[in-house]
Amino acid sequence: MTTVKEIKATLRPKAGKGAARSVRREGRTPAVIYGANEAPLAIAVDHIDIRTKIYAGHFLTTLYDIDIDGKKHRVIPRDYQLDPVKDFPIHIDFMRLAPGSLIRVNVPVHVINSDQSPGVKRGGAVNIVTHSLPLRCPPDRIPQSIEVDVTGLEINSSKHLSDIQLPEGVKPVAREDMTLVTIVPPSGYGEETKSAEAAAAAPAAGAPAAAAPAAAGGDKKPAEKK
């Protein structure tokens, strides 16, 4: 089950830029709750609390119960804006979740067992091609990450979406078989491979020449010394 966290909020009586600036001066961050065929709610949340939650990670894939005067609204964050200079949140968008709904989320891709990859042991490097995977799932089944096991993966080999077992109820949004991870060769690997192939194809250096065939008429005995 997905963990549901709680946020305390208050209603904002007014909307607009001037009202939003007033909310921020009070140490709160303006936000809105929308969706599920209900009217949007303009709210304000504690600035320090929401900033801590954003920078703790997984903010956009975490479910929250927003408590407004004792009434709870089940939501998931959909977007947030940061001040371009001071880097603190200035607005949050929350989407209200209806019972039985499916949502689209971007879940990070994590690589595991890179030390068990023969390609990595030979000097290759793990290259994450797809850093986040778009998925569709019930709100209570959002995975924290999608793990890609590279055990046994050689240089120039890849792991694709079709190689991954997704959790029950979780479906990929993409229809194509996306490349998730590859093992890229180390610098100079191509030249070394060509040199090795050339050496294997060339005759072994210093090999003895084949014996010449005997002259017609048979071997002659050496003359005896008198």
Protein backbone atom coordinates (compact mmCIF):
# COMPACT_ATOMS: atom_id res chain seq x y z
CA MET A 1 0.00 0.00 0.00
CA THR A 2 1.11 3.53 -0.79
CA THR A 3 1.77 5.65 2.28
CA VAL A 4 -0.58 8.62 2.61
CA LYS A 5 0.80 11.72 4.34
CA GLU A 6 -1.07 14.69 5.75
CA ILE A 7 -0.96 18.42 5.05
CA LYS A 8 -2.76 21.08 7.09
CA ALA A 9 -4.29 23.84 5.02
CA THR A 10 -6.66 26.80 5.22
CA LEU A 11 -9.02 28.21 2.63
CA ARG A 12 -7.98 31.37 0.78
CA PRO A 13 -10.89 33.80 0.61
CA LYS A 14 -9.40 35.63 -2.38
CA ALA A 15 -7.55 34.65 -5.55
CA GLY A 16 -5.19 36.63 -7.74
CA LYS A 17 -1.58 37.77 -7.62
CA GLY A 18 -2.10 40.36 -4.90
CA ALA A 19 -3.83 37.87 -2.60
CA ALA A 20 -1.11 35.30 -3.29
CA ARG A 21 1.63 37.78 -2.32
CA SER A 22 -0.25 38.52 0.88
CA VAL A 23 -0.39 34.79 1.71
CA ARG A 24 3.37 34.44 1.17
CA ARG A 25 4.09 37.38 3.47
CA GLU A 26 2.22 35.46 6.18
CA GLY A 27 4.62 32.51 5.83
CA ARG A 28 2.26 30.36 3.79
CA THR A 29 2.27 29.08 0.21
CA PRO A 30 -0.78 29.47 -2.05
CA ALA A 31 -2.13 26.29 -3.63
CA VAL A 32 -5.19 24.93 -5.40
CA ILE A 33 -7.09 21.63 -5.30
CA TYR A 34 -8.88 20.68 -8.53
CA GLY A 35 -10.41 17.69 -10.31
CA ALA A 36 -12.97 14.88 -9.71
CA ASN A 37 -15.73 17.05 -11.21
CA GLU A 38 -15.71 19.38 -8.20
CA ALA A 39 -15.11 23.10 -7.97
CA PRO A 40 -11.47 24.14 -7.42
CA LEU A 41 -10.46 25.10 -3.88
CA ALA A 42 -7.98 27.92 -3.31
CA ILE A 43 -5.96 27.03 -0.21
CA ALA A 44 -2.81 28.01 1.66
CA VAL A 45 -0.28 25.62 3.24
CA ASP A 46 2.55 26.20 5.68
CA HIS A 47 5.64 27.38 3.77
CA ILE A 48 8.24 25.47 5.82
CA ASP A 49 6.21 22.26 5.88
CA ILE A 50 5.59 22.17 2.11
CA ARG A 51 9.19 23.13 1.30
CA THR A 52 10.43 20.26 3.48
CA LYS A 53 8.10 17.81 1.74
CA ILE A 54 9.19 18.92 -1.74
CA TYR A 55 12.90 18.64 -1.03
CA ALA A 56 12.51 15.30 0.75
CA GLY A 57 11.92 13.73 -2.69
CA HIS A 58 9.08 11.76 -4.33
CA PHE A 59 6.76 14.74 -3.84
CA LEU A 60 4.92 14.28 -7.16
CA THR A 61 4.33 10.56 -6.54
CA THR A 62 3.15 10.81 -2.92
CA LEU A 63 -0.49 10.80 -1.83
CA TYR A 64 -1.66 13.40 0.70
CA ASP A 65 -4.74 14.01 2.78
CA ILE A 66 -5.18 17.77 2.92
CA ASP A 67 -6.98 18.68 6.13
CA ILE A 68 -9.11 21.82 5.83
CA ASP A 69 -11.01 22.54 9.03
CA GLY A 70 -11.34 18.83 9.77
CA LYS A 71 -12.41 17.80 6.27
CA LYS A 72 -9.85 15.72 4.39
CA HIS A 73 -9.27 15.78 0.66
CA ARG A 74 -7.26 12.91 -0.89
CA VAL A 75 -4.91 14.43 -3.46
CA ILE A 76 -1.67 13.97 -5.36
CA PRO A 77 0.62 16.91 -6.23
CA ARG A 78 0.61 17.63 -9.95
CA ASP A 79 2.94 20.61 -10.20
CA TYR A 80 4.77 23.21 -8.16
CA GLN A 81 6.50 26.47 -8.94
CA LEU A 82 9.73 27.63 -7.33
CA ASP A 83 11.02 31.16 -6.97
CA PRO A 84 13.68 31.51 -9.71
CA VAL A 85 16.10 33.28 -7.37
CA LYS A 86 15.47 32.01 -3.85
CA ASP A 87 14.31 28.52 -4.94
CA PHE A 88 11.40 28.26 -2.48
CA PRO A 89 7.88 27.11 -3.47
CA ILE A 90 5.50 29.88 -4.57
CA HIS A 91 2.52 27.81 -5.76
CA ILE A 92 1.33 24.18 -5.63
CA ASP A 93 -1.25 22.34 -7.76
CA PHE A 94 -3.00 19.35 -6.15
CA MET A 95 -5.29 16.98 -8.07
CA ARG A 96 -8.26 15.59 -6.17
CA LEU A 97 -8.54 11.78 -6.42
CA ALA A 98 -11.91 10.16 -7.02
CA PRO A 99 -12.53 6.60 -5.75
CA GLY A 100 -11.50 3.99 -8.32
CA SER A 101 -9.58 6.47 -10.46
CA LEU A 102 -6.41 5.74 -12.39
CA ILE A 103 -3.64 8.32 -12.53
CA ARG A 104 -0.57 8.87 -14.65
CA VAL A 105 2.75 9.27 -12.82
CA ASN A 106 6.41 9.44 -13.79
CA VAL A 107 8.36 6.97 -11.65
CA PRO A 108 12.19 7.10 -11.43
CA VAL A 109 14.27 4.23 -12.81
CA HIS A 110 16.87 2.77 -10.44
CA VAL A 111 19.64 0.34 -11.41
CA ILE A 112 20.50 -2.55 -9.09
CA ASN A 113 23.30 -5.16 -9.03
CA SER A 114 25.67 -3.20 -11.26
CA ASP A 115 28.53 -5.01 -9.50
CA GLN A 116 27.15 -8.26 -10.95
CA SER A 117 27.40 -7.06 -14.56
CA PRO A 118 30.30 -8.62 -16.54
CA GLY A 119 30.33 -5.52 -18.74
CA VAL A 120 30.86 -3.24 -15.73
CA LYS A 121 33.60 -5.55 -14.40
CA ARG A 122 35.41 -5.17 -17.74
CA GLY A 123 35.38 -1.39 -17.47
CA GLY A 124 31.99 -0.56 -18.98
CA ALA A 125 29.64 2.00 -17.46
CA VAL A 126 25.91 1.91 -16.71
CA ASN A 127 24.02 4.38 -18.90
CA ILE A 128 20.44 5.09 -17.80
CA VAL A 129 18.65 5.92 -21.07
CA THR A 130 15.19 6.42 -19.52
CA HIS A 131 15.45 8.20 -16.17
CA SER A 132 11.73 8.13 -15.38
CA LEU A 133 9.02 5.83 -16.66
CA PRO A 134 5.48 7.11 -17.36
CA LEU A 135 3.00 4.71 -15.75
CA ARG A 136 -0.74 4.46 -15.20
CA CYS A 137 -1.98 2.91 -11.97
CA PRO A 138 -4.42 3.23 -9.06
CA PRO A 139 -3.37 5.95 -6.59
CA ASP A 140 -2.71 3.41 -3.83
CA ARG A 141 -0.29 1.40 -6.00
CA ILE A 142 2.21 4.03 -7.07
CA PRO A 143 5.70 2.43 -6.97
CA GLN A 144 8.48 4.51 -5.44
CA SER A 145 10.82 3.41 -8.24
CA ILE A 146 11.22 0.87 -11.02
CA GLU A 147 14.27 -1.33 -10.44
CA VAL A 148 16.32 -2.55 -13.40
CA ASP A 149 18.55 -5.51 -12.59
CA VAL A 150 21.71 -5.54 -14.75
CA THR A 151 23.06 -8.85 -13.44
CA GLY A 152 24.77 -10.67 -16.30
CA LEU A 153 24.62 -7.71 -18.68
CA GLU A 154 27.59 -7.47 -21.07
CA ILE A 155 29.11 -4.44 -22.79
CA ASN A 156 26.80 -3.04 -25.51
CA SER A 157 23.84 -4.96 -24.06
CA SER A 158 20.60 -3.32 -22.91
CA LYS A 159 17.55 -3.76 -20.72
CA HIS A 160 14.20 -2.81 -22.22
CA LEU A 161 10.73 -2.16 -20.87
CA SER A 162 9.70 -5.68 -21.92
CA ASP A 163 12.39 -7.10 -19.61
CA ILE A 164 10.84 -5.53 -16.50
CA GLN A 165 8.09 -7.05 -14.36
CA LEU A 166 5.88 -4.17 -13.25
CA PRO A 167 3.83 -4.40 -10.03
CA GLU A 168 0.28 -5.65 -10.22
CA GLY A 169 -2.15 -3.04 -11.52
CA VAL A 170 0.65 -0.86 -12.92
CA LYS A 171 0.77 -0.39 -16.70
CA PRO A 172 3.22 1.51 -18.90
CA VAL A 173 1.90 4.51 -20.80
CA ALA A 174 4.34 4.01 -23.69
CA ARG A 175 3.42 1.40 -26.26
CA GLU A 176 6.90 0.99 -27.72
CA ASP A 177 9.52 -1.22 -26.09
CA MET A 178 11.62 1.53 -24.52
CA THR A 179 15.33 1.09 -23.82
CA LEU A 180 15.87 1.68 -20.12
CA VAL A 181 19.55 0.91 -19.45
CA THR A 182 22.63 0.05 -21.51
CA ILE A 183 26.20 -0.92 -20.63
CA VAL A 184 28.46 1.38 -22.64
CA PRO A 185 32.05 0.34 -23.44
CA PRO A 186 35.08 2.06 -21.91
CA SER A 187 37.20 4.48 -23.92
CA GLY A 188 39.31 2.69 -26.53
CA TYR A 189 37.24 -0.49 -26.33
CA GLY A 190 36.51 -0.49 -30.08
CA GLU A 191 40.19 -0.23 -31.06
CA GLU A 192 41.15 -2.98 -28.63
CA THR A 193 38.46 -5.25 -30.08
CA LYS A 194 39.68 -4.61 -33.64
CA SER A 195 43.29 -5.33 -32.63
CA ALA A 196 42.29 -8.58 -30.96
CA GLU A 197 40.30 -9.68 -34.01
CA ALA A 198 43.20 -8.82 -36.32
CA ALA A 199 45.65 -10.76 -34.17
CA ALA A 200 43.39 -13.80 -34.15
CA ALA A 201 43.01 -13.71 -37.93
CA ALA A 202 46.75 -13.34 -38.70
CA PRO A 203 48.97 -16.48 -38.82
CA ALA A 204 50.86 -17.10 -35.63
CA ALA A 205 54.21 -15.35 -35.68
CA GLY A 206 57.29 -17.61 -35.71
CA ALA A 207 55.46 -20.79 -36.75
CA PRO A 208 57.86 -23.36 -38.44
CA ALA A 209 57.59 -23.61 -42.22
CA ALA A 210 56.31 -26.84 -43.72
CA ALA A 211 58.99 -29.38 -44.84
CA ALA A 212 59.76 -29.35 -48.58
CA PRO A 213 58.59 -32.46 -50.52
CA ALA A 214 61.24 -35.12 -51.36
CA ALA A 215 62.87 -34.96 -54.83
CA ALA A 216 61.71 -37.41 -57.47
CA GLY A 217 63.58 -40.68 -57.52
CA GLY A 218 63.85 -41.11 -53.79
CA ASP A 219 66.36 -39.92 -51.21
CA LYS A 220 70.07 -40.12 -52.00
CA LYS A 221 72.50 -41.43 -49.44
CA PRO A 222 75.40 -39.20 -48.61
CA ALA A 223 78.74 -40.20 -50.14
CA GLU A 224 80.95 -42.23 -47.84
CA LYS A 225 84.25 -40.70 -46.87
CA LYS A 226 87.34 -42.66 -47.78
